Amino acid sequence: MSKNFFSTKLFKVILVIAVFGLLIFSNPYNLFNPVRSIFFGVTYPFQKSFYFLSYKINRFNDFVSSIGELKRDNEKLTRENQKLSAENAMLRDMKKENAVLREQLDLAPREELELRSALVTSQDAHGFGNWLTINKGTRDGIEKGMPVIVSDGILIGRIEEAHSGRSKVILITNPQSSVNAVVSDTDAKGIIRGEFGLGLILDMVLQTDIIQEGNEVVTSGIGENTPRGLLVGKIQEVRSSEDRLFQQAVITPLVKFSKLRVVFVVK
């Protein structure tokens, strides 16, 4: 069937046109200049339109490509801006933390006590004010039983667990906490106990001792590692114990345990 096609008139016409076209484009000895002029004159509008269309398509492709590049640049700038914002926030927090630490260091009784400063890293998740965690531990010389204070020598608790790089502090508001104390104004003695993370009770005060609202309560330094004279709080209310054998006093703490950031361990 292919042989029949090559013998048809259509094939011969196509062959003649192809040869003629080849001669026109090759233009040997410039014989076909008139024909070439006519041909290019006829096709020029089409060539112009095709070139204009190609130019527009290239411009559109460049535009689409530029949009993609702008989008990538914008995403990159957004990520860099977020990174800078996070770094600035961290720097501001560190600056504030350093300022608080310097302030607390200036107020801490460093001349009378050997102290190790520490930052609070976590607190009682249930909000009962029973414990907190600090970023210092045994490698910093911290040991179980050491008292923990804030500036101005205010007692907040003691080391319950000491690990390599962190320690757990049981707060004086913890029901398991007990501290020997004395009323500084009258020298009345008693034991301070935590009351379910809500407050402090001065218990076991003799009925013959005098205690009044507004009196300051400090550690007595008896029978424990806690030195004498650390401030605990002020008496808010005086009452009798349930068995009427002793006096009790409700103590108002002088610090907000939920807002602690810097503490000092008494070594």
C-alpha atoms as a PDB file:
ATOM      1  CA  MET A   1       0.000   0.000   0.000  1.00  0.00           C
ATOM      2  CA  SER A   2       2.944   2.291   0.683  1.00  0.00           C
ATOM      3  CA  LYS A   3       4.232   1.729  -2.845  1.00  0.00           C
ATOM      4  CA  ASN A   4       0.853   2.778  -4.263  1.00  0.00           C
ATOM      5  CA  PHE A   5       1.011   5.992  -2.210  1.00  0.00           C
ATOM      6  CA  PHE A   6       4.409   6.982  -3.624  1.00  0.00           C
ATOM      7  CA  SER A   7       2.963   6.534  -7.145  1.00  0.00           C
ATOM      8  CA  THR A   8      -0.049   8.774  -6.559  1.00  0.00           C
ATOM      9  CA  LYS A   9      -0.446  12.332  -7.796  1.00  0.00           C
ATOM     10  CA  LEU A  10      -0.747  13.630  -4.227  1.00  0.00           C
ATOM     11  CA  PHE A  11       2.707  12.384  -3.350  1.00  0.00           C
ATOM     12  CA  LYS A  12       4.097  13.935  -6.547  1.00  0.00           C
ATOM     13  CA  VAL A  13       2.486  17.289  -5.721  1.00  0.00           C
ATOM     14  CA  ILE A  14       3.868  17.195  -2.165  1.00  0.00           C
ATOM     15  CA  LEU A  15       7.301  16.300  -3.494  1.00  0.00           C
ATOM     16  CA  VAL A  16       7.247  19.164  -6.010  1.00  0.00           C
ATOM     17  CA  ILE A  17       6.151  21.653  -3.323  1.00  0.00           C
ATOM     18  CA  ALA A  18       8.868  20.413  -0.953  1.00  0.00           C
ATOM     19  CA  VAL A  19      11.565  20.716  -3.606  1.00  0.00           C
ATOM     20  CA  PHE A  20      10.291  24.122  -4.652  1.00  0.00           C
ATOM     21  CA  GLY A  21      10.236  25.313  -1.057  1.00  0.00           C
ATOM     22  CA  LEU A  22      13.752  24.040  -0.485  1.00  0.00           C
ATOM     23  CA  LEU A  23      14.946  25.919  -3.527  1.00  0.00           C
ATOM     24  CA  ILE A  24      13.245  29.094  -2.358  1.00  0.00           C
ATOM     25  CA  PHE A  25      14.833  28.956   1.101  1.00  0.00           C
ATOM     26  CA  SER A  26      18.259  27.900  -0.166  1.00  0.00           C
ATOM     27  CA  ASN A  27      18.007  30.433  -3.017  1.00  0.00           C
ATOM     28  CA  PRO A  28      20.948  29.219  -5.151  1.00  0.00           C
ATOM     29  CA  TYR A  29      22.550  32.081  -7.105  1.00  0.00           C
ATOM     30  CA  ASN A  30      19.728  34.385  -5.905  1.00  0.00           C
ATOM     31  CA  LEU A  31      17.467  32.994  -8.588  1.00  0.00           C
ATOM     32  CA  PHE A  32      14.429  32.947  -6.356  1.00  0.00           C
ATOM     33  CA  ASN A  33      14.689  36.456  -4.840  1.00  0.00           C
ATOM     34  CA  PRO A  34      11.407  37.640  -6.357  1.00  0.00           C
ATOM     35  CA  VAL A  35       9.599  34.561  -5.128  1.00  0.00           C
ATOM     36  CA  ARG A  36      11.213  34.902  -1.678  1.00  0.00           C
ATOM     37  CA  SER A  37      10.109  38.528  -1.498  1.00  0.00           C
ATOM     38  CA  ILE A  38       6.550  37.584  -2.307  1.00  0.00           C
ATOM     39  CA  PHE A  39       6.611  34.684   0.171  1.00  0.00           C
ATOM     40  CA  PHE A  40       8.044  36.731   3.065  1.00  0.00           C
ATOM     41  CA  GLY A  41       5.703  39.571   2.215  1.00  0.00           C
ATOM     42  CA  VAL A  42       2.738  37.250   2.515  1.00  0.00           C
ATOM     43  CA  THR A  43       3.979  35.547   5.704  1.00  0.00           C
ATOM     44  CA  TYR A  44       5.299  38.710   7.417  1.00  0.00           C
ATOM     45  CA  PRO A  45       2.028  39.555   9.230  1.00  0.00           C
ATOM     46  CA  PHE A  46       1.888  36.002  10.507  1.00  0.00           C
ATOM     47  CA  GLN A  47       5.530  36.150  11.595  1.00  0.00           C
ATOM     48  CA  LYS A  48       4.889  39.432  13.381  1.00  0.00           C
ATOM     49  CA  SER A  49       1.841  38.074  15.176  1.00  0.00           C
ATOM     50  CA  PHE A  50       3.709  34.898  16.128  1.00  0.00           C
ATOM     51  CA  TYR A  51       6.663  36.912  17.476  1.00  0.00           C
ATOM     52  CA  PHE A  52       4.349  39.216  19.448  1.00  0.00           C
ATOM     53  CA  LEU A  53       2.528  36.190  20.865  1.00  0.00           C
ATOM     54  CA  SER A  54       5.817  34.512  21.798  1.00  0.00           C
ATOM     55  CA  TYR A  55       6.994  37.731  23.466  1.00  0.00           C
ATOM     56  CA  LYS A  56       3.806  37.961  25.499  1.00  0.00           C
ATOM     57  CA  ILE A  57       4.077  34.307  26.532  1.00  0.00           C
ATOM     58  CA  ASN A  58       7.685  34.824  27.662  1.00  0.00           C
ATOM     59  CA  ARG A  59       6.698  37.938  29.602  1.00  0.00           C
ATOM     60  CA  PHE A  60       3.855  36.025  31.247  1.00  0.00           C
ATOM     61  CA  ASN A  61       6.191  33.161  32.146  1.00  0.00           C
ATOM     62  CA  ASP A  62       8.653  35.680  33.626  1.00  0.00           C
ATOM     63  CA  PHE A  63       5.796  37.266  35.581  1.00  0.00           C
ATOM     64  CA  VAL A  64       4.657  33.904  36.955  1.00  0.00           C
ATOM     65  CA  SER A  65       8.250  33.023  37.809  1.00  0.00           C
ATOM     66  CA  SER A  66       8.724  36.373  39.592  1.00  0.00           C
ATOM     67  CA  ILE A  67       5.571  35.750  41.622  1.00  0.00           C
ATOM     68  CA  GLY A  68       6.998  32.415  42.744  1.00  0.00           C
ATOM     69  CA  GLU A  69      10.301  34.042  43.674  1.00  0.00           C
ATOM     70  CA  LEU A  70       8.513  36.835  45.567  1.00  0.00           C
ATOM     71  CA  LYS A  71       6.458  34.239  47.429  1.00  0.00           C
ATOM     72  CA  ARG A  72       9.590  32.307  48.395  1.00  0.00           C
ATOM     73  CA  ASP A  73      11.349  35.538  49.427  1.00  0.00           C
ATOM     74  CA  ASN A  74       8.318  36.571  51.456  1.00  0.00           C
ATOM     75  CA  GLU A  75       8.187  33.187  53.217  1.00  0.00           C
ATOM     76  CA  LYS A  76      11.917  33.444  53.935  1.00  0.00           C
ATOM     77  CA  LEU A  77      11.513  36.970  55.340  1.00  0.00           C
ATOM     78  CA  THR A  78       8.549  35.810  57.431  1.00  0.00           C
ATOM     79  CA  ARG A  79      10.599  32.953  58.923  1.00  0.00           C
ATOM     80  CA  GLU A  80      13.521  35.293  59.609  1.00  0.00           C
ATOM     81  CA  ASN A  81      11.175  37.828  61.223  1.00  0.00           C
ATOM     82  CA  GLN A  82       9.641  35.135  63.428  1.00  0.00           C
ATOM     83  CA  LYS A  83      13.116  33.959  64.420  1.00  0.00           C
ATOM     84  CA  LEU A  84      14.189  37.516  65.277  1.00  0.00           C
ATOM     85  CA  SER A  85      10.985  38.095  67.251  1.00  0.00           C
ATOM     86  CA  ALA A  86      11.594  34.913  69.255  1.00  0.00           C
ATOM     87  CA  GLU A  87      15.230  35.892  69.879  1.00  0.00           C
ATOM     88  CA  ASN A  88      14.201  39.408  70.957  1.00  0.00           C
ATOM     89  CA  ALA A  89      11.574  38.001  73.307  1.00  0.00           C
ATOM     90  CA  MET A  90      14.181  35.651  74.782  1.00  0.00           C
ATOM     91  CA  LEU A  91      16.665  38.504  75.184  1.00  0.00           C
ATOM     92  CA  ARG A  92      14.050  40.701  76.873  1.00  0.00           C
ATOM     93  CA  ASP A  93      13.160  37.878  79.241  1.00  0.00           C
ATOM     94  CA  MET A  94      16.854  37.228  80.007  1.00  0.00           C
ATOM     95  CA  LYS A  95      17.392  40.954  80.598  1.00  0.00           C
ATOM     96  CA  LYS A  96      14.427  41.070  82.964  1.00  0.00           C
ATOM     97  CA  GLU A  97      15.601  37.900  84.681  1.00  0.00           C
ATOM     98  CA  ASN A  98      19.112  39.289  85.131  1.00  0.00           C
ATOM     99  CA  ALA A  99      17.690  42.523  86.532  1.00  0.00           C
ATOM    100  CA  VAL A 100      15.590  40.565  89.034  1.00  0.00           C
ATOM    101  CA  LEU A 101      18.596  38.435  89.957  1.00  0.00           C
ATOM    102  CA  ARG A 102      20.801  41.499  90.523  1.00  0.00           C
ATOM    103  CA  GLU A 103      18.096  43.106  92.648  1.00  0.00           C
ATOM    104  CA  GLN A 104      17.660  39.953  94.717  1.00  0.00           C
ATOM    105  CA  LEU A 105      21.420  39.549  95.115  1.00  0.00           C
ATOM    106  CA  ASP A 106      21.699  43.103  96.407  1.00  0.00           C
ATOM    107  CA  LEU A 107      18.989  42.420  99.001  1.00  0.00           C
ATOM    108  CA  ALA A 108      20.128  38.951 100.059  1.00  0.00           C
ATOM    109  CA  PRO A 109      21.930  38.689 103.427  1.00  0.00           C
ATOM    110  CA  ARG A 110      25.166  37.427 101.860  1.00  0.00           C
ATOM    111  CA  GLU A 111      27.375  38.774 104.652  1.00  0.00           C
ATOM    112  CA  GLU A 112      25.684  36.680 107.325  1.00  0.00           C
ATOM    113  CA  LEU A 113      24.966  33.524 105.275  1.00  0.00           C
ATOM    114  CA  GLU A 114      26.660  31.464 102.583  1.00  0.00           C
ATOM    115  CA  LEU A 115      24.129  31.456  99.762  1.00  0.00           C
ATOM    116  CA  ARG A 116      23.756  29.788  96.389  1.00  0.00           C
ATOM    117  CA  SER A 117      21.400  31.581  93.991  1.00  0.00           C
ATOM    118  CA  ALA A 118      19.050  29.519  91.824  1.00  0.00           C
ATOM    119  CA  LEU A 119      16.240  30.020  89.332  1.00  0.00           C
ATOM    120  CA  VAL A 120      12.795  28.482  89.732  1.00  0.00           C
ATOM    121  CA  THR A 121      12.135  26.165  86.781  1.00  0.00           C
ATOM    122  CA  SER A 122       8.754  24.662  87.731  1.00  0.00           C
ATOM    123  CA  GLN A 123       6.131  24.684  90.468  1.00  0.00           C
ATOM    124  CA  ASP A 124       3.370  22.555  91.893  1.00  0.00           C
ATOM    125  CA  ALA A 125       1.262  21.723  88.831  1.00  0.00           C
ATOM    126  CA  HIS A 126      -1.909  21.553  90.930  1.00  0.00           C
ATOM    127  CA  GLY A 127      -1.443  25.086  92.212  1.00  0.00           C
ATOM    128  CA  PHE A 128      -1.451  24.069  95.873  1.00  0.00           C
ATOM    129  CA  GLY A 129       1.891  25.767  96.549  1.00  0.00           C
ATOM    130  CA  ASN A 130       3.436  22.599  97.965  1.00  0.00           C
ATOM    131  CA  TRP A 131       6.751  22.497  96.083  1.00  0.00           C
ATOM    132  CA  LEU A 132       8.902  23.993  93.354  1.00  0.00           C
ATOM    133  CA  THR A 133      11.975  22.978  91.361  1.00  0.00           C
ATOM    134  CA  ILE A 134      15.226  24.951  91.020  1.00  0.00           C
ATOM    135  CA  ASN A 135      18.093  24.682  88.522  1.00  0.00           C
ATOM    136  CA  LYS A 136      20.838  23.897  91.043  1.00  0.00           C
ATOM    137  CA  GLY A 137      21.749  20.539  92.562  1.00  0.00           C
ATOM    138  CA  THR A 138      24.442  18.379  94.119  1.00  0.00           C
ATOM    139  CA  ARG A 139      27.134  19.513  91.661  1.00  0.00           C
ATOM    140  CA  ASP A 140      26.556  23.020  93.054  1.00  0.00           C
ATOM    141  CA  GLY A 141      26.916  21.840  96.638  1.00  0.00           C
ATOM    142  CA  ILE A 142      23.178  21.601  97.288  1.00  0.00           C
ATOM    143  CA  GLU A 143      22.082  18.946  99.800  1.00  0.00           C
ATOM    144  CA  LYS A 144      18.824  17.688 101.234  1.00  0.00           C
ATOM    145  CA  GLY A 145      17.585  19.657 104.243  1.00  0.00           C
ATOM    146  CA  MET A 146      19.172  22.994 103.307  1.00  0.00           C
ATOM    147  CA  PRO A 147      16.821  25.947 103.868  1.00  0.00           C
ATOM    148  CA  VAL A 148      15.730  28.075 100.917  1.00  0.00           C
ATOM    149  CA  ILE A 149      15.089  31.807 101.201  1.00  0.00           C
ATOM    150  CA  VAL A 150      14.370  34.855  99.090  1.00  0.00           C
ATOM    151  CA  SER A 151      15.779  38.342  99.447  1.00  0.00           C
ATOM    152  CA  ASP A 152      15.714  39.995 102.869  1.00  0.00           C
ATOM    153  CA  GLY A 153      16.191  36.567 104.490  1.00  0.00           C
ATOM    154  CA  ILE A 154      12.605  35.347 104.151  1.00  0.00           C
ATOM    155  CA  LEU A 155      12.261  31.575 104.522  1.00  0.00           C
ATOM    156  CA  ILE A 156      10.197  29.820 101.845  1.00  0.00           C
ATOM    157  CA  GLY A 157      11.110  26.133 102.304  1.00  0.00           C
ATOM    158  CA  ARG A 158      13.856  23.526 102.340  1.00  0.00           C
ATOM    159  CA  ILE A 159      15.533  21.146  99.907  1.00  0.00           C
ATOM    160  CA  GLU A 160      13.550  17.895  99.766  1.00  0.00           C
ATOM    161  CA  GLU A 161      15.409  16.192  96.898  1.00  0.00           C
ATOM    162  CA  ALA A 162      18.812  17.083  95.435  1.00  0.00           C
ATOM    163  CA  HIS A 163      19.904  15.769  92.050  1.00  0.00           C
ATOM    164  CA  SER A 164      22.881  16.601  89.846  1.00  0.00           C
ATOM    165  CA  GLY A 165      21.512  19.683  88.113  1.00  0.00           C
ATOM    166  CA  ARG A 166      18.215  20.340  89.875  1.00  0.00           C
ATOM    167  CA  SER A 167      16.552  20.161  93.271  1.00  0.00           C
ATOM    168  CA  LYS A 168      13.028  19.945  94.619  1.00  0.00           C
ATOM    169  CA  VAL A 169      12.053  22.436  97.300  1.00  0.00           C
ATOM    170  CA  ILE A 170       9.237  21.660  99.725  1.00  0.00           C
ATOM    171  CA  LEU A 171       7.564  24.964 100.647  1.00  0.00           C
ATOM    172  CA  ILE A 172       6.715  25.930 104.192  1.00  0.00           C
ATOM    173  CA  THR A 173       3.025  25.976 103.167  1.00  0.00           C
ATOM    174  CA  ASN A 174       3.240  22.218 102.534  1.00  0.00           C
ATOM    175  CA  PRO A 175       1.374  20.195 105.230  1.00  0.00           C
ATOM    176  CA  GLN A 176       4.491  18.001 105.580  1.00  0.00           C
ATOM    177  CA  SER A 177       6.635  21.023 106.455  1.00  0.00           C
ATOM    178  CA  SER A 178       7.409  22.002 110.044  1.00  0.00           C
ATOM    179  CA  VAL A 179       9.809  24.682 111.267  1.00  0.00           C
ATOM    180  CA  ASN A 180      10.766  25.648 114.817  1.00  0.00           C
ATOM    181  CA  ALA A 181       9.949  29.325 115.221  1.00  0.00           C
ATOM    182  CA  VAL A 182       9.870  32.156 117.711  1.00  0.00           C
ATOM    183  CA  VAL A 183       7.873  35.375 117.911  1.00  0.00           C
ATOM    184  CA  SER A 184      10.576  38.009 117.750  1.00  0.00           C
ATOM    185  CA  ASP A 185       8.683  40.602 119.809  1.00  0.00           C
ATOM    186  CA  THR A 186       7.812  38.374 122.771  1.00  0.00           C
ATOM    187  CA  ASP A 187      10.150  35.363 122.402  1.00  0.00           C
ATOM    188  CA  ALA A 188       7.162  32.993 122.402  1.00  0.00           C
ATOM    189  CA  LYS A 189       8.124  29.678 120.838  1.00  0.00           C
ATOM    190  CA  GLY A 190       6.153  27.311 118.620  1.00  0.00           C
ATOM    191  CA  ILE A 191       6.179  25.215 115.470  1.00  0.00           C
ATOM    192  CA  ILE A 192       5.144  26.532 112.070  1.00  0.00           C
ATOM    193  CA  ARG A 193       3.203  24.054 109.934  1.00  0.00           C
ATOM    194  CA  GLY A 194       1.864  24.279 106.415  1.00  0.00           C
ATOM    195  CA  GLU A 195      -1.876  24.262 105.928  1.00  0.00           C
ATOM    196  CA  PHE A 196      -2.597  22.448 102.637  1.00  0.00           C
ATOM    197  CA  GLY A 197      -0.655  24.989 100.610  1.00  0.00           C
ATOM    198  CA  LEU A 198      -3.008  27.775 101.677  1.00  0.00           C
ATOM    199  CA  GLY A 199      -1.151  29.342 104.567  1.00  0.00           C
ATOM    200  CA  LEU A 200       0.841  28.880 107.759  1.00  0.00           C
ATOM    201  CA  ILE A 201      -0.081  28.029 111.326  1.00  0.00           C
ATOM    202  CA  LEU A 202       2.097  28.749 114.379  1.00  0.00           C
ATOM    203  CA  ASP A 203       1.198  25.855 116.685  1.00  0.00           C
ATOM    204  CA  MET A 204       2.179  24.537 120.121  1.00  0.00           C
ATOM    205  CA  VAL A 205       2.506  27.997 121.702  1.00  0.00           C
ATOM    206  CA  LEU A 206       2.116  27.905 125.475  1.00  0.00           C
ATOM    207  CA  GLN A 207      -0.951  29.612 126.916  1.00  0.00           C
ATOM    208  CA  THR A 208       1.315  31.655 129.160  1.00  0.00           C
ATOM    209  CA  ASP A 209       3.235  33.124 126.213  1.00  0.00           C
ATOM    210  CA  ILE A 210       2.164  36.418 124.732  1.00  0.00           C
ATOM    211  CA  ILE A 211       1.478  36.596 121.010  1.00  0.00           C
ATOM    212  CA  GLN A 212      -0.364  39.374 119.235  1.00  0.00           C
ATOM    213  CA  GLU A 213      -1.539  40.268 115.766  1.00  0.00           C
ATOM    214  CA  GLY A 214       1.199  41.957 113.763  1.00  0.00           C
ATOM    215  CA  ASN A 215       4.064  40.220 115.582  1.00  0.00           C
ATOM    216  CA  GLU A 216       6.841  38.958 113.322  1.00  0.00           C
ATOM    217  CA  VAL A 217       7.672  35.249 113.403  1.00  0.00           C
ATOM    218  CA  VAL A 218      11.237  34.064 112.675  1.00  0.00           C
ATOM    219  CA  THR A 219      13.063  30.759 112.761  1.00  0.00           C
ATOM    220  CA  SER A 220      14.431  29.751 116.151  1.00  0.00           C
ATOM    221  CA  GLY A 221      17.388  27.733 114.837  1.00  0.00           C
ATOM    222  CA  ILE A 222      16.642  24.842 117.216  1.00  0.00           C
ATOM    223  CA  GLY A 223      16.973  21.204 116.158  1.00  0.00           C
ATOM    224  CA  GLU A 224      17.430  21.757 112.420  1.00  0.00           C
ATOM    225  CA  ASN A 225      19.759  23.079 109.731  1.00  0.00           C
ATOM    226  CA  THR A 226      17.835  26.341 109.506  1.00  0.00           C
ATOM    227  CA  PRO A 227      19.695  29.251 111.139  1.00  0.00           C
ATOM    228  CA  ARG A 228      17.980  31.522 113.628  1.00  0.00           C
ATOM    229  CA  GLY A 229      16.398  34.765 112.527  1.00  0.00           C
ATOM    230  CA  LEU A 230      15.019  33.934 109.075  1.00  0.00           C
ATOM    231  CA  LEU A 231      11.749  35.787 108.661  1.00  0.00           C
ATOM    232  CA  VAL A 232       8.657  33.654 108.055  1.00  0.00           C
ATOM    233  CA  GLY A 233       5.713  36.051 108.266  1.00  0.00           C
ATOM    234  CA  LYS A 234       3.450  38.087 110.514  1.00  0.00           C
ATOM    235  CA  ILE A 235       0.700  36.973 112.876  1.00  0.00           C
ATOM    236  CA  GLN A 236      -2.707  37.635 111.384  1.00  0.00           C
ATOM    237  CA  GLU A 237      -4.971  35.976 113.960  1.00  0.00           C
ATOM    238  CA  VAL A 238      -4.555  34.393 117.411  1.00  0.00           C
ATOM    239  CA  ARG A 239      -6.741  31.509 118.602  1.00  0.00           C
ATOM    240  CA  SER A 240      -6.715  28.484 120.909  1.00  0.00           C
ATOM    241  CA  SER A 241      -5.997  24.959 119.778  1.00  0.00           C
ATOM    242  CA  GLU A 242      -8.851  22.460 119.636  1.00  0.00           C
ATOM    243  CA  ASP A 243      -7.841  20.907 122.962  1.00  0.00           C
ATOM    244  CA  ARG A 244      -7.419  24.375 124.527  1.00  0.00           C
ATOM    245  CA  LEU A 245      -3.970  23.433 125.792  1.00  0.00           C
ATOM    246  CA  PHE A 246      -2.007  25.685 123.447  1.00  0.00           C
ATOM    247  CA  GLN A 247      -2.336  28.859 121.460  1.00  0.00           C
ATOM    248  CA  GLN A 248      -2.288  28.977 117.690  1.00  0.00           C
ATOM    249  CA  ALA A 249      -1.688  31.814 115.292  1.00  0.00           C
ATOM    250  CA  VAL A 250      -2.455  32.219 111.613  1.00  0.00           C
ATOM    251  CA  ILE A 251       0.665  33.483 109.846  1.00  0.00           C
ATOM    252  CA  THR A 252       0.531  35.653 106.758  1.00  0.00           C
ATOM    253  CA  PRO A 253       3.436  34.808 104.405  1.00  0.00           C
ATOM    254  CA  LEU A 254       5.424  37.775 103.151  1.00  0.00           C
ATOM    255  CA  VAL A 255       5.940  36.409  99.634  1.00  0.00           C
ATOM    256  CA  LYS A 256       3.715  35.113  96.861  1.00  0.00           C
ATOM    257  CA  PHE A 257       5.050  31.634  96.196  1.00  0.00           C
ATOM    258  CA  SER A 258       3.450  31.464  92.737  1.00  0.00           C
ATOM    259  CA  LYS A 259       5.528  34.446  91.563  1.00  0.00           C
ATOM    260  CA  LEU A 260       8.951  33.271  92.724  1.00  0.00           C
ATOM    261  CA  ARG A 261      11.696  33.416  90.080  1.00  0.00           C
ATOM    262  CA  VAL A 262      14.940  33.707  92.055  1.00  0.00           C
ATOM    263  CA  VAL A 263      15.683  31.940  95.347  1.00  0.00           C
ATOM    264  CA  PHE A 264      18.758  31.332  97.515  1.00  0.00           C
ATOM    265  CA  VAL A 265      19.833  28.093  99.143  1.00  0.00           C
ATOM    266  CA  VAL A 266      21.491  28.535 102.543  1.00  0.00           C
ATOM    267  CA  LYS A 267      24.569  26.289 102.548  1.00  0.00           C
END
